[in-house]
Amino acid sequence: GGVEEVPVGGRSTDPSVWFLPRHSSMKAEEAAGTAPFHLDLWFYFTLQNWVLDFGRPIAMLVFPLEWFPLNKPSVGDYFHMAYNIITPFLLLKLIERSPRTLPRSIIYISIITFIMGASIHLVGDSVNHRLLFSGYQHHLSVRENPIIKNLKPETLIDSFELLYYYDEYLGHCMWYIPFFLILFMYFSGCFTPTKAESSMPGAALLLVVPSGLYYWYLVTEGQIFILFIFTFFAMLALVLHQKRKRLFLDSNGLFLFYSFALTLLLVALWVAWLWSDPVLRKKYPGVIYVPEPWAFYTLHVSSRH
């Protein structure tokens, strides 16, 4: 409850604040000014998302199979390993630059959970993508796949369903929940009392399109529409709440908000386009129907070749 003592050198003697020093030294700046647009971080973030996440399955299809045998990690797995290291590092750098001091314990637990979830996903996704070379069809469920339904003993099918569960459910939950939580916590600090500072530079506007398009892929392929829409509505509610206090989004907050708004529009267009597809409708039953791009690819694109 007391005021933290900082020696003349400016370095706190409290060991708990030695980690993320920029993060902890923001207290004096919280009331004044706002963070400039983090062009470097947002650019690296968008680039590595496109190359290391979206580019993973594409690289696996492009590189010759003899370079990466089916019993060894694929080129996409190495992309995934790099993603699992670089993304949490960039998220931590982003949190460091927040003008507001954020709850450090939640940040640490979120980052640790993110890395564990993304690593679980790496293994499950690696095997599932390798099954494509054996004739596995993504638009069908595990038990409906021709190469799976004939396995003997039948308990082997349970093992493949377990693998699918780790890949598509547990891995995605432990990966994406902390990911969106960290982005939301950062977003909560992106407010300024100065209306003039509530604008985006031209470079930020250019980045909104590839950023929003990537999140469209993340939401559809990751099957996390509920998590995404909950996060977006929480952001919208926070914006309206802060507006009553005459606080406005700064350039970084606007960038995130516009990226998510574009994502929501793209998801709506994607669902409307594939609304009447009978095969995908069977694969994704229920109230929320958001087909995966790779299921669409194996059904309508690769099947033609």
C-alpha atoms as a PDB file:
ATOM      1  CA  GLY A   1       0.000   0.000   0.000  1.00  0.00           C
ATOM      2  CA  GLY A   2       3.007   2.334   0.419  1.00  0.00           C
ATOM      3  CA  VAL A   3       4.951   4.252  -2.201  1.00  0.00           C
ATOM      4  CA  GLU A   4       7.757   2.248  -3.752  1.00  0.00           C
ATOM      5  CA  GLU A   5      11.190   3.648  -2.933  1.00  0.00           C
ATOM      6  CA  VAL A   6      13.465   4.170  -5.897  1.00  0.00           C
ATOM      7  CA  PRO A   7      17.134   5.047  -5.283  1.00  0.00           C
ATOM      8  CA  VAL A   8      18.876   7.976  -6.944  1.00  0.00           C
ATOM      9  CA  GLY A   9      20.050   5.767  -9.795  1.00  0.00           C
ATOM     10  CA  GLY A  10      16.416   5.217 -10.793  1.00  0.00           C
ATOM     11  CA  ARG A  11      16.526   1.429 -10.276  1.00  0.00           C
ATOM     12  CA  SER A  12      14.104  -0.073  -7.751  1.00  0.00           C
ATOM     13  CA  THR A  13      15.624  -2.240  -5.003  1.00  0.00           C
ATOM     14  CA  ASP A  14      12.557  -4.504  -5.078  1.00  0.00           C
ATOM     15  CA  PRO A  15      13.607  -7.697  -6.962  1.00  0.00           C
ATOM     16  CA  SER A  16      10.012  -8.262  -8.087  1.00  0.00           C
ATOM     17  CA  VAL A  17      10.229  -5.295 -10.470  1.00  0.00           C
ATOM     18  CA  TRP A  18      13.581  -6.184 -12.050  1.00  0.00           C
ATOM     19  CA  PHE A  19      11.791  -8.143 -14.774  1.00  0.00           C
ATOM     20  CA  LEU A  20      10.170  -6.060 -17.512  1.00  0.00           C
ATOM     21  CA  PRO A  21      11.648  -2.769 -16.187  1.00  0.00           C
ATOM     22  CA  ARG A  22       9.915  -0.633 -18.832  1.00  0.00           C
ATOM     23  CA  HIS A  23       6.644  -2.239 -17.863  1.00  0.00           C
ATOM     24  CA  SER A  24       7.039  -1.215 -14.216  1.00  0.00           C
ATOM     25  CA  SER A  25       8.404   2.276 -14.896  1.00  0.00           C
ATOM     26  CA  MET A  26       5.278   3.415 -16.749  1.00  0.00           C
ATOM     27  CA  LYS A  27       3.416   4.522 -13.611  1.00  0.00           C
ATOM     28  CA  ALA A  28       4.580   8.119 -13.845  1.00  0.00           C
ATOM     29  CA  GLU A  29       3.546   8.308 -17.475  1.00  0.00           C
ATOM     30  CA  GLU A  30       0.088   6.792 -17.112  1.00  0.00           C
ATOM     31  CA  ALA A  31      -1.603  10.128 -16.503  1.00  0.00           C
ATOM     32  CA  ALA A  32       0.298  12.021 -19.161  1.00  0.00           C
ATOM     33  CA  GLY A  33       0.603  11.469 -22.899  1.00  0.00           C
ATOM     34  CA  THR A  34       0.153   8.226 -24.767  1.00  0.00           C
ATOM     35  CA  ALA A  35       2.325   5.638 -26.474  1.00  0.00           C
ATOM     36  CA  PRO A  36       3.300   6.322 -30.106  1.00  0.00           C
ATOM     37  CA  PHE A  37       2.212   3.823 -32.740  1.00  0.00           C
ATOM     38  CA  HIS A  38       4.392   0.714 -32.406  1.00  0.00           C
ATOM     39  CA  LEU A  39       5.035   0.291 -36.119  1.00  0.00           C
ATOM     40  CA  ASP A  40       7.998  -2.044 -35.550  1.00  0.00           C
ATOM     41  CA  LEU A  41       6.170  -4.437 -33.228  1.00  0.00           C
ATOM     42  CA  TRP A  42       2.896  -4.496 -35.184  1.00  0.00           C
ATOM     43  CA  PHE A  43       4.786  -5.037 -38.458  1.00  0.00           C
ATOM     44  CA  TYR A  44       6.851  -7.930 -37.038  1.00  0.00           C
ATOM     45  CA  PHE A  45       3.734  -9.340 -35.395  1.00  0.00           C
ATOM     46  CA  THR A  46       1.711  -9.300 -38.634  1.00  0.00           C
ATOM     47  CA  LEU A  47       4.627 -10.596 -40.735  1.00  0.00           C
ATOM     48  CA  GLN A  48       5.422 -13.560 -38.495  1.00  0.00           C
ATOM     49  CA  ASN A  49       1.702 -14.400 -38.177  1.00  0.00           C
ATOM     50  CA  TRP A  50       1.413 -14.617 -41.959  1.00  0.00           C
ATOM     51  CA  VAL A  51       4.699 -16.456 -42.555  1.00  0.00           C
ATOM     52  CA  LEU A  52       4.943 -18.771 -39.545  1.00  0.00           C
ATOM     53  CA  ASP A  53       1.254 -19.521 -38.887  1.00  0.00           C
ATOM     54  CA  PHE A  54      -0.671 -19.072 -42.144  1.00  0.00           C
ATOM     55  CA  GLY A  55       2.395 -20.112 -44.159  1.00  0.00           C
ATOM     56  CA  ARG A  56       2.911 -23.400 -42.285  1.00  0.00           C
ATOM     57  CA  PRO A  57       0.540 -25.669 -44.245  1.00  0.00           C
ATOM     58  CA  ILE A  58       1.408 -23.910 -47.516  1.00  0.00           C
ATOM     59  CA  ALA A  59       5.124 -24.563 -46.988  1.00  0.00           C
ATOM     60  CA  MET A  60       4.332 -28.228 -46.302  1.00  0.00           C
ATOM     61  CA  LEU A  61       2.581 -28.493 -49.667  1.00  0.00           C
ATOM     62  CA  VAL A  62       5.293 -26.594 -51.566  1.00  0.00           C
ATOM     63  CA  PHE A  63       8.483 -28.249 -50.284  1.00  0.00           C
ATOM     64  CA  PRO A  64       9.296 -31.710 -51.763  1.00  0.00           C
ATOM     65  CA  LEU A  65       8.226 -34.575 -49.533  1.00  0.00           C
ATOM     66  CA  GLU A  66      11.637 -36.288 -49.864  1.00  0.00           C
ATOM     67  CA  TRP A  67      13.248 -33.345 -48.026  1.00  0.00           C
ATOM     68  CA  PHE A  68      11.017 -33.911 -45.003  1.00  0.00           C
ATOM     69  CA  PRO A  69      10.026 -37.631 -44.758  1.00  0.00           C
ATOM     70  CA  LEU A  70       6.685 -38.498 -43.152  1.00  0.00           C
ATOM     71  CA  ASN A  71       8.420 -39.923 -40.052  1.00  0.00           C
ATOM     72  CA  LYS A  72      10.293 -36.648 -39.409  1.00  0.00           C
ATOM     73  CA  PRO A  73       9.127 -33.073 -38.626  1.00  0.00           C
ATOM     74  CA  SER A  74       7.931 -31.187 -41.699  1.00  0.00           C
ATOM     75  CA  VAL A  75       9.034 -27.697 -42.734  1.00  0.00           C
ATOM     76  CA  GLY A  76       5.710 -26.498 -41.289  1.00  0.00           C
ATOM     77  CA  ASP A  77       6.668 -27.923 -37.886  1.00  0.00           C
ATOM     78  CA  TYR A  78       9.845 -25.835 -37.875  1.00  0.00           C
ATOM     79  CA  PHE A  79       7.711 -22.798 -38.753  1.00  0.00           C
ATOM     80  CA  HIS A  80       5.468 -23.699 -35.804  1.00  0.00           C
ATOM     81  CA  MET A  81       8.464 -23.996 -33.444  1.00  0.00           C
ATOM     82  CA  ALA A  82       9.658 -20.544 -34.493  1.00  0.00           C
ATOM     83  CA  TYR A  83       6.123 -19.147 -34.012  1.00  0.00           C
ATOM     84  CA  ASN A  84       5.939 -20.635 -30.490  1.00  0.00           C
ATOM     85  CA  ILE A  85       9.098 -18.722 -29.525  1.00  0.00           C
ATOM     86  CA  ILE A  86       8.692 -15.442 -31.431  1.00  0.00           C
ATOM     87  CA  THR A  87       4.998 -14.766 -30.673  1.00  0.00           C
ATOM     88  CA  PRO A  88       5.241 -14.846 -26.848  1.00  0.00           C
ATOM     89  CA  PHE A  89       8.394 -12.717 -27.090  1.00  0.00           C
ATOM     90  CA  LEU A  90       6.558 -10.089 -29.198  1.00  0.00           C
ATOM     91  CA  LEU A  91       3.556 -10.202 -26.840  1.00  0.00           C
ATOM     92  CA  LEU A  92       5.861  -9.503 -23.886  1.00  0.00           C
ATOM     93  CA  LYS A  93       7.507  -6.601 -25.765  1.00  0.00           C
ATOM     94  CA  LEU A  94       4.027  -5.242 -26.530  1.00  0.00           C
ATOM     95  CA  ILE A  95       3.026  -5.446 -22.860  1.00  0.00           C
ATOM     96  CA  GLU A  96       6.255  -3.634 -21.912  1.00  0.00           C
ATOM     97  CA  ARG A  97       5.181  -0.671 -24.021  1.00  0.00           C
ATOM     98  CA  SER A  98       1.729  -0.392 -22.488  1.00  0.00           C
ATOM     99  CA  PRO A  99       1.221   3.097 -20.979  1.00  0.00           C
ATOM    100  CA  ARG A 100      -0.696   1.390 -18.175  1.00  0.00           C
ATOM    101  CA  THR A 101       0.743  -1.024 -15.613  1.00  0.00           C
ATOM    102  CA  LEU A 102      -0.917  -4.376 -16.226  1.00  0.00           C
ATOM    103  CA  PRO A 103      -1.341  -7.301 -13.765  1.00  0.00           C
ATOM    104  CA  ARG A 104       1.980  -9.078 -14.093  1.00  0.00           C
ATOM    105  CA  SER A 105       0.952 -12.449 -12.616  1.00  0.00           C
ATOM    106  CA  ILE A 106      -1.885 -12.804 -15.157  1.00  0.00           C
ATOM    107  CA  ILE A 107       0.527 -11.880 -17.973  1.00  0.00           C
ATOM    108  CA  TYR A 108       3.045 -14.533 -16.877  1.00  0.00           C
ATOM    109  CA  ILE A 109       0.428 -17.284 -16.465  1.00  0.00           C
ATOM    110  CA  SER A 110      -1.112 -16.366 -19.835  1.00  0.00           C
ATOM    111  CA  ILE A 111       2.244 -16.519 -21.640  1.00  0.00           C
ATOM    112  CA  ILE A 112       3.131 -19.882 -20.035  1.00  0.00           C
ATOM    113  CA  THR A 113      -0.301 -21.326 -20.937  1.00  0.00           C
ATOM    114  CA  PHE A 114      -0.002 -19.913 -24.473  1.00  0.00           C
ATOM    115  CA  ILE A 115       3.352 -21.659 -25.031  1.00  0.00           C
ATOM    116  CA  MET A 116       2.056 -24.955 -23.636  1.00  0.00           C
ATOM    117  CA  GLY A 117      -1.124 -24.839 -25.733  1.00  0.00           C
ATOM    118  CA  ALA A 118       0.729 -23.893 -28.926  1.00  0.00           C
ATOM    119  CA  SER A 119       3.224 -26.726 -28.284  1.00  0.00           C
ATOM    120  CA  ILE A 120       0.422 -29.288 -27.780  1.00  0.00           C
ATOM    121  CA  HIS A 121      -1.073 -28.018 -31.035  1.00  0.00           C
ATOM    122  CA  LEU A 122       2.280 -28.361 -32.816  1.00  0.00           C
ATOM    123  CA  VAL A 123       2.373 -32.128 -32.268  1.00  0.00           C
ATOM    124  CA  GLY A 124      -1.299 -32.793 -33.054  1.00  0.00           C
ATOM    125  CA  ASP A 125      -1.306 -30.530 -36.091  1.00  0.00           C
ATOM    126  CA  SER A 126       1.930 -32.088 -37.388  1.00  0.00           C
ATOM    127  CA  VAL A 127       0.462 -35.608 -37.429  1.00  0.00           C
ATOM    128  CA  ASN A 128      -2.918 -34.459 -38.799  1.00  0.00           C
ATOM    129  CA  HIS A 129      -1.268 -32.643 -41.705  1.00  0.00           C
ATOM    130  CA  ARG A 130       0.980 -35.617 -42.436  1.00  0.00           C
ATOM    131  CA  LEU A 131      -2.175 -37.754 -42.705  1.00  0.00           C
ATOM    132  CA  LEU A 132      -3.161 -35.671 -45.751  1.00  0.00           C
ATOM    133  CA  PHE A 133      -0.450 -37.480 -47.722  1.00  0.00           C
ATOM    134  CA  SER A 134      -2.160 -40.774 -46.829  1.00  0.00           C
ATOM    135  CA  GLY A 135      -5.551 -39.609 -48.098  1.00  0.00           C
ATOM    136  CA  TYR A 136      -7.016 -38.044 -44.940  1.00  0.00           C
ATOM    137  CA  GLN A 137      -9.843 -35.606 -45.788  1.00  0.00           C
ATOM    138  CA  HIS A 138     -10.205 -32.544 -43.555  1.00  0.00           C
ATOM    139  CA  HIS A 139     -13.827 -31.929 -44.480  1.00  0.00           C
ATOM    140  CA  LEU A 140     -14.819 -35.271 -42.886  1.00  0.00           C
ATOM    141  CA  SER A 141     -14.807 -36.179 -39.190  1.00  0.00           C
ATOM    142  CA  VAL A 142     -12.150 -38.600 -37.889  1.00  0.00           C
ATOM    143  CA  ARG A 143     -14.473 -41.641 -37.863  1.00  0.00           C
ATOM    144  CA  GLU A 144     -15.898 -40.861 -41.320  1.00  0.00           C
ATOM    145  CA  ASN A 145     -12.473 -40.740 -42.999  1.00  0.00           C
ATOM    146  CA  PRO A 146     -11.930 -43.755 -45.303  1.00  0.00           C
ATOM    147  CA  ILE A 147      -8.324 -44.259 -44.157  1.00  0.00           C
ATOM    148  CA  ILE A 148      -9.370 -44.234 -40.472  1.00  0.00           C
ATOM    149  CA  LYS A 149     -12.628 -46.256 -40.432  1.00  0.00           C
ATOM    150  CA  ASN A 150     -10.896 -49.459 -41.626  1.00  0.00           C
ATOM    151  CA  LEU A 151      -8.211 -49.453 -38.906  1.00  0.00           C
ATOM    152  CA  LYS A 152      -7.842 -52.620 -36.828  1.00  0.00           C
ATOM    153  CA  PRO A 153      -8.168 -52.908 -33.881  1.00  0.00           C
ATOM    154  CA  GLU A 154     -10.934 -50.306 -33.673  1.00  0.00           C
ATOM    155  CA  THR A 155      -9.400 -48.825 -30.513  1.00  0.00           C
ATOM    156  CA  LEU A 156      -6.807 -47.214 -32.827  1.00  0.00           C
ATOM    157  CA  ILE A 157      -9.605 -44.912 -34.026  1.00  0.00           C
ATOM    158  CA  ASP A 158      -9.987 -43.699 -30.431  1.00  0.00           C
ATOM    159  CA  SER A 159      -6.291 -42.793 -30.443  1.00  0.00           C
ATOM    160  CA  PHE A 160      -6.720 -40.706 -33.598  1.00  0.00           C
ATOM    161  CA  GLU A 161      -9.743 -38.991 -32.046  1.00  0.00           C
ATOM    162  CA  LEU A 162      -7.607 -38.233 -28.989  1.00  0.00           C
ATOM    163  CA  LEU A 163      -4.957 -36.734 -31.264  1.00  0.00           C
ATOM    164  CA  TYR A 164      -7.652 -34.638 -32.981  1.00  0.00           C
ATOM    165  CA  TYR A 165      -8.902 -33.504 -29.559  1.00  0.00           C
ATOM    166  CA  TYR A 166      -5.407 -32.342 -28.555  1.00  0.00           C
ATOM    167  CA  ASP A 167      -4.995 -30.558 -31.889  1.00  0.00           C
ATOM    168  CA  GLU A 168      -8.378 -28.915 -32.416  1.00  0.00           C
ATOM    169  CA  TYR A 169      -9.793 -28.461 -28.901  1.00  0.00           C
ATOM    170  CA  LEU A 170      -7.324 -28.528 -26.008  1.00  0.00           C
ATOM    171  CA  GLY A 171      -4.430 -27.069 -28.015  1.00  0.00           C
ATOM    172  CA  HIS A 172      -6.598 -24.299 -29.465  1.00  0.00           C
ATOM    173  CA  CYS A 173      -8.133 -23.374 -26.086  1.00  0.00           C
ATOM    174  CA  MET A 174      -4.783 -23.177 -24.290  1.00  0.00           C
ATOM    175  CA  TRP A 175      -3.286 -21.282 -27.231  1.00  0.00           C
ATOM    176  CA  TYR A 176      -5.997 -18.772 -28.139  1.00  0.00           C
ATOM    177  CA  ILE A 177      -7.643 -17.914 -24.786  1.00  0.00           C
ATOM    178  CA  PRO A 178      -4.425 -16.463 -23.288  1.00  0.00           C
ATOM    179  CA  PHE A 179      -3.542 -14.925 -26.679  1.00  0.00           C
ATOM    180  CA  PHE A 180      -6.762 -12.890 -26.830  1.00  0.00           C
ATOM    181  CA  LEU A 181      -6.619 -12.177 -23.084  1.00  0.00           C
ATOM    182  CA  ILE A 182      -3.171 -10.596 -23.467  1.00  0.00           C
ATOM    183  CA  LEU A 183      -4.314  -8.527 -26.466  1.00  0.00           C
ATOM    184  CA  PHE A 184      -7.383  -7.361 -24.502  1.00  0.00           C
ATOM    185  CA  MET A 185      -5.309  -6.434 -21.445  1.00  0.00           C
ATOM    186  CA  TYR A 186      -2.965  -4.444 -23.667  1.00  0.00           C
ATOM    187  CA  PHE A 187      -5.987  -2.827 -25.370  1.00  0.00           C
ATOM    188  CA  SER A 188      -7.351  -1.760 -21.966  1.00  0.00           C
ATOM    189  CA  GLY A 189      -4.343   0.544 -21.580  1.00  0.00           C
ATOM    190  CA  CYS A 190      -4.673   2.146 -25.039  1.00  0.00           C
ATOM    191  CA  PHE A 191      -6.702   5.219 -24.017  1.00  0.00           C
ATOM    192  CA  THR A 192      -5.785   8.887 -24.061  1.00  0.00           C
ATOM    193  CA  PRO A 193      -7.555  12.014 -22.733  1.00  0.00           C
ATOM    194  CA  THR A 194      -6.490  13.942 -25.835  1.00  0.00           C
ATOM    195  CA  LYS A 195      -8.846  13.673 -28.813  1.00  0.00           C
ATOM    196  CA  ALA A 196      -6.091  14.869 -31.189  1.00  0.00           C
ATOM    197  CA  GLU A 197      -4.013  11.756 -30.324  1.00  0.00           C
ATOM    198  CA  SER A 198      -6.890   9.449 -31.289  1.00  0.00           C
ATOM    199  CA  SER A 199      -5.794   8.863 -34.877  1.00  0.00           C
ATOM    200  CA  MET A 200      -3.700   6.378 -36.827  1.00  0.00           C
ATOM    201  CA  PRO A 201      -0.696   7.110 -39.057  1.00  0.00           C
ATOM    202  CA  GLY A 202      -0.826   5.997 -42.697  1.00  0.00           C
ATOM    203  CA  ALA A 203       1.407   2.988 -42.048  1.00  0.00           C
ATOM    204  CA  ALA A 204      -1.054   1.751 -39.420  1.00  0.00           C
ATOM    205  CA  LEU A 205      -3.944   1.989 -41.878  1.00  0.00           C
ATOM    206  CA  LEU A 206      -1.971  -0.085 -44.395  1.00  0.00           C
ATOM    207  CA  LEU A 207      -1.304  -2.760 -41.751  1.00  0.00           C
ATOM    208  CA  VAL A 208      -4.996  -3.054 -40.786  1.00  0.00           C
ATOM    209  CA  VAL A 209      -5.866  -5.062 -43.932  1.00  0.00           C
ATOM    210  CA  PRO A 210      -3.222  -7.854 -43.598  1.00  0.00           C
ATOM    211  CA  SER A 211      -3.792  -7.896 -39.827  1.00  0.00           C
ATOM    212  CA  GLY A 212      -7.594  -8.219 -40.120  1.00  0.00           C
ATOM    213  CA  LEU A 213      -7.230 -10.828 -42.869  1.00  0.00           C
ATOM    214  CA  TYR A 214      -4.899 -12.894 -40.689  1.00  0.00           C
ATOM    215  CA  TYR A 215      -7.328 -12.803 -37.754  1.00  0.00           C
ATOM    216  CA  TRP A 216     -10.054 -13.973 -40.163  1.00  0.00           C
ATOM    217  CA  TYR A 217      -7.896 -17.036 -40.870  1.00  0.00           C
ATOM    218  CA  LEU A 218      -7.226 -17.504 -37.146  1.00  0.00           C
ATOM    219  CA  VAL A 219     -10.922 -17.339 -36.221  1.00  0.00           C
ATOM    220  CA  THR A 220     -12.133 -19.639 -39.018  1.00  0.00           C
ATOM    221  CA  GLU A 221      -9.321 -22.201 -39.051  1.00  0.00           C
ATOM    222  CA  GLY A 222      -8.970 -22.180 -35.266  1.00  0.00           C
ATOM    223  CA  GLN A 223     -12.751 -22.490 -34.789  1.00  0.00           C
ATOM    224  CA  ILE A 224     -12.686 -19.781 -32.111  1.00  0.00           C
ATOM    225  CA  PHE A 225     -15.531 -17.525 -33.248  1.00  0.00           C
ATOM    226  CA  ILE A 226     -17.158 -17.435 -29.780  1.00  0.00           C
ATOM    227  CA  LEU A 227     -13.864 -16.434 -28.137  1.00  0.00           C
ATOM    228  CA  PHE A 228     -13.230 -13.809 -30.815  1.00  0.00           C
ATOM    229  CA  ILE A 229     -16.714 -12.271 -30.702  1.00  0.00           C
ATOM    230  CA  PHE A 230     -16.614 -12.193 -26.886  1.00  0.00           C
ATOM    231  CA  THR A 231     -13.247 -10.373 -27.015  1.00  0.00           C
ATOM    232  CA  PHE A 232     -14.483  -7.913 -29.658  1.00  0.00           C
ATOM    233  CA  PHE A 233     -17.663  -7.080 -27.728  1.00  0.00           C
ATOM    234  CA  ALA A 234     -15.599  -6.661 -24.538  1.00  0.00           C
ATOM    235  CA  MET A 235     -13.373  -4.198 -26.450  1.00  0.00           C
ATOM    236  CA  LEU A 236     -16.443  -2.380 -27.766  1.00  0.00           C
ATOM    237  CA  ALA A 237     -17.965  -2.169 -24.258  1.00  0.00           C
ATOM    238  CA  LEU A 238     -14.669  -0.812 -22.893  1.00  0.00           C
ATOM    239  CA  VAL A 239     -14.524   1.839 -25.631  1.00  0.00           C
ATOM    240  CA  LEU A 240     -18.085   3.008 -24.809  1.00  0.00           C
ATOM    241  CA  HIS A 241     -17.334   2.973 -21.062  1.00  0.00           C
ATOM    242  CA  GLN A 242     -14.145   5.034 -21.468  1.00  0.00           C
ATOM    243  CA  LYS A 243     -15.919   7.455 -23.812  1.00  0.00           C
ATOM    244  CA  ARG A 244     -18.128   8.490 -20.907  1.00  0.00           C
ATOM    245  CA  LYS A 245     -14.926   9.440 -19.054  1.00  0.00           C
ATOM    246  CA  ARG A 246     -13.827  11.451 -22.115  1.00  0.00           C
ATOM    247  CA  LEU A 247     -11.056   8.981 -22.883  1.00  0.00           C
ATOM    248  CA  PHE A 248     -10.302   7.994 -26.488  1.00  0.00           C
ATOM    249  CA  LEU A 249      -8.432   5.129 -28.142  1.00  0.00           C
ATOM    250  CA  ASP A 250      -4.836   5.934 -29.085  1.00  0.00           C
ATOM    251  CA  SER A 251      -3.275   4.818 -32.384  1.00  0.00           C
ATOM    252  CA  ASN A 252      -2.391   1.325 -31.095  1.00  0.00           C
ATOM    253  CA  GLY A 253      -5.880   0.782 -29.692  1.00  0.00           C
ATOM    254  CA  LEU A 254      -7.478   1.970 -32.926  1.00  0.00           C
ATOM    255  CA  PHE A 255      -5.257  -0.404 -34.917  1.00  0.00           C
ATOM    256  CA  LEU A 256      -6.374  -3.403 -32.857  1.00  0.00           C
ATOM    257  CA  PHE A 257     -10.037  -2.344 -32.890  1.00  0.00           C
ATOM    258  CA  TYR A 258     -10.161  -1.750 -36.655  1.00  0.00           C
ATOM    259  CA  SER A 259      -8.309  -5.045 -37.311  1.00  0.00           C
ATOM    260  CA  PHE A 260     -10.912  -6.944 -35.282  1.00  0.00           C
ATOM    261  CA  ALA A 261     -13.802  -5.053 -36.917  1.00  0.00           C
ATOM    262  CA  LEU A 262     -12.459  -6.015 -40.368  1.00  0.00           C
ATOM    263  CA  THR A 263     -12.118  -9.624 -39.166  1.00  0.00           C
ATOM    264  CA  LEU A 264     -15.781  -9.702 -38.099  1.00  0.00           C
ATOM    265  CA  LEU A 265     -16.841  -8.398 -41.522  1.00  0.00           C
ATOM    266  CA  LEU A 266     -14.715 -11.012 -43.344  1.00  0.00           C
ATOM    267  CA  VAL A 267     -16.041 -13.870 -41.174  1.00  0.00           C
ATOM    268  CA  ALA A 268     -19.623 -12.746 -41.902  1.00  0.00           C
ATOM    269  CA  LEU A 269     -18.925 -12.702 -45.669  1.00  0.00           C
ATOM    270  CA  TRP A 270     -17.206 -16.114 -45.480  1.00  0.00           C
ATOM    271  CA  VAL A 271     -20.155 -17.716 -43.659  1.00  0.00           C
ATOM    272  CA  ALA A 272     -22.696 -16.112 -46.016  1.00  0.00           C
ATOM    273  CA  TRP A 273     -20.771 -17.426 -49.048  1.00  0.00           C
ATOM    274  CA  LEU A 274     -20.689 -21.035 -47.771  1.00  0.00           C
ATOM    275  CA  TRP A 275     -24.065 -20.938 -45.989  1.00  0.00           C
ATOM    276  CA  SER A 276     -25.719 -23.535 -48.261  1.00  0.00           C
ATOM    277  CA  ASP A 277     -22.779 -25.956 -48.690  1.00  0.00           C
ATOM    278  CA  PRO A 278     -24.273 -29.377 -47.725  1.00  0.00           C
ATOM    279  CA  VAL A 279     -20.953 -31.158 -47.012  1.00  0.00           C
ATOM    280  CA  LEU A 280     -19.528 -28.381 -44.826  1.00  0.00           C
ATOM    281  CA  ARG A 281     -22.910 -28.024 -43.105  1.00  0.00           C
ATOM    282  CA  LYS A 282     -22.643 -31.681 -42.060  1.00  0.00           C
ATOM    283  CA  LYS A 283     -19.050 -31.209 -40.872  1.00  0.00           C
ATOM    284  CA  TYR A 284     -19.955 -28.118 -38.778  1.00  0.00           C
ATOM    285  CA  PRO A 285     -23.414 -28.770 -37.288  1.00  0.00           C
ATOM    286  CA  GLY A 286     -24.969 -26.582 -34.626  1.00  0.00           C
ATOM    287  CA  VAL A 287     -26.018 -22.965 -34.273  1.00  0.00           C
ATOM    288  CA  ILE A 288     -22.606 -21.427 -35.022  1.00  0.00           C
ATOM    289  CA  TYR A 289     -21.509 -22.399 -38.530  1.00  0.00           C
ATOM    290  CA  VAL A 290     -17.996 -21.206 -39.401  1.00  0.00           C
ATOM    291  CA  PRO A 291     -16.245 -23.550 -41.895  1.00  0.00           C
ATOM    292  CA  GLU A 292     -12.465 -23.967 -41.813  1.00  0.00           C
ATOM    293  CA  PRO A 293     -10.543 -22.705 -44.893  1.00  0.00           C
ATOM    294  CA  TRP A 294      -8.534 -25.948 -45.078  1.00  0.00           C
ATOM    295  CA  ALA A 295     -11.713 -28.032 -45.032  1.00  0.00           C
ATOM    296  CA  PHE A 296     -12.954 -25.887 -47.923  1.00  0.00           C
ATOM    297  CA  TYR A 297      -9.594 -26.406 -49.669  1.00  0.00           C
ATOM    298  CA  THR A 298      -9.613 -30.219 -49.407  1.00  0.00           C
ATOM    299  CA  LEU A 299     -13.281 -30.375 -50.453  1.00  0.00           C
ATOM    300  CA  HIS A 300     -13.424 -27.910 -53.348  1.00  0.00           C
ATOM    301  CA  VAL A 301      -9.848 -27.222 -54.494  1.00  0.00           C
ATOM    302  CA  SER A 302      -7.499 -30.185 -53.981  1.00  0.00           C
ATOM    303  CA  SER A 303     -10.208 -32.716 -54.910  1.00  0.00           C
ATOM    304  CA  ARG A 304     -10.291 -31.235 -58.429  1.00  0.00           C
ATOM    305  CA  HIS A 305      -6.617 -31.969 -59.067  1.00  0.00           C
END
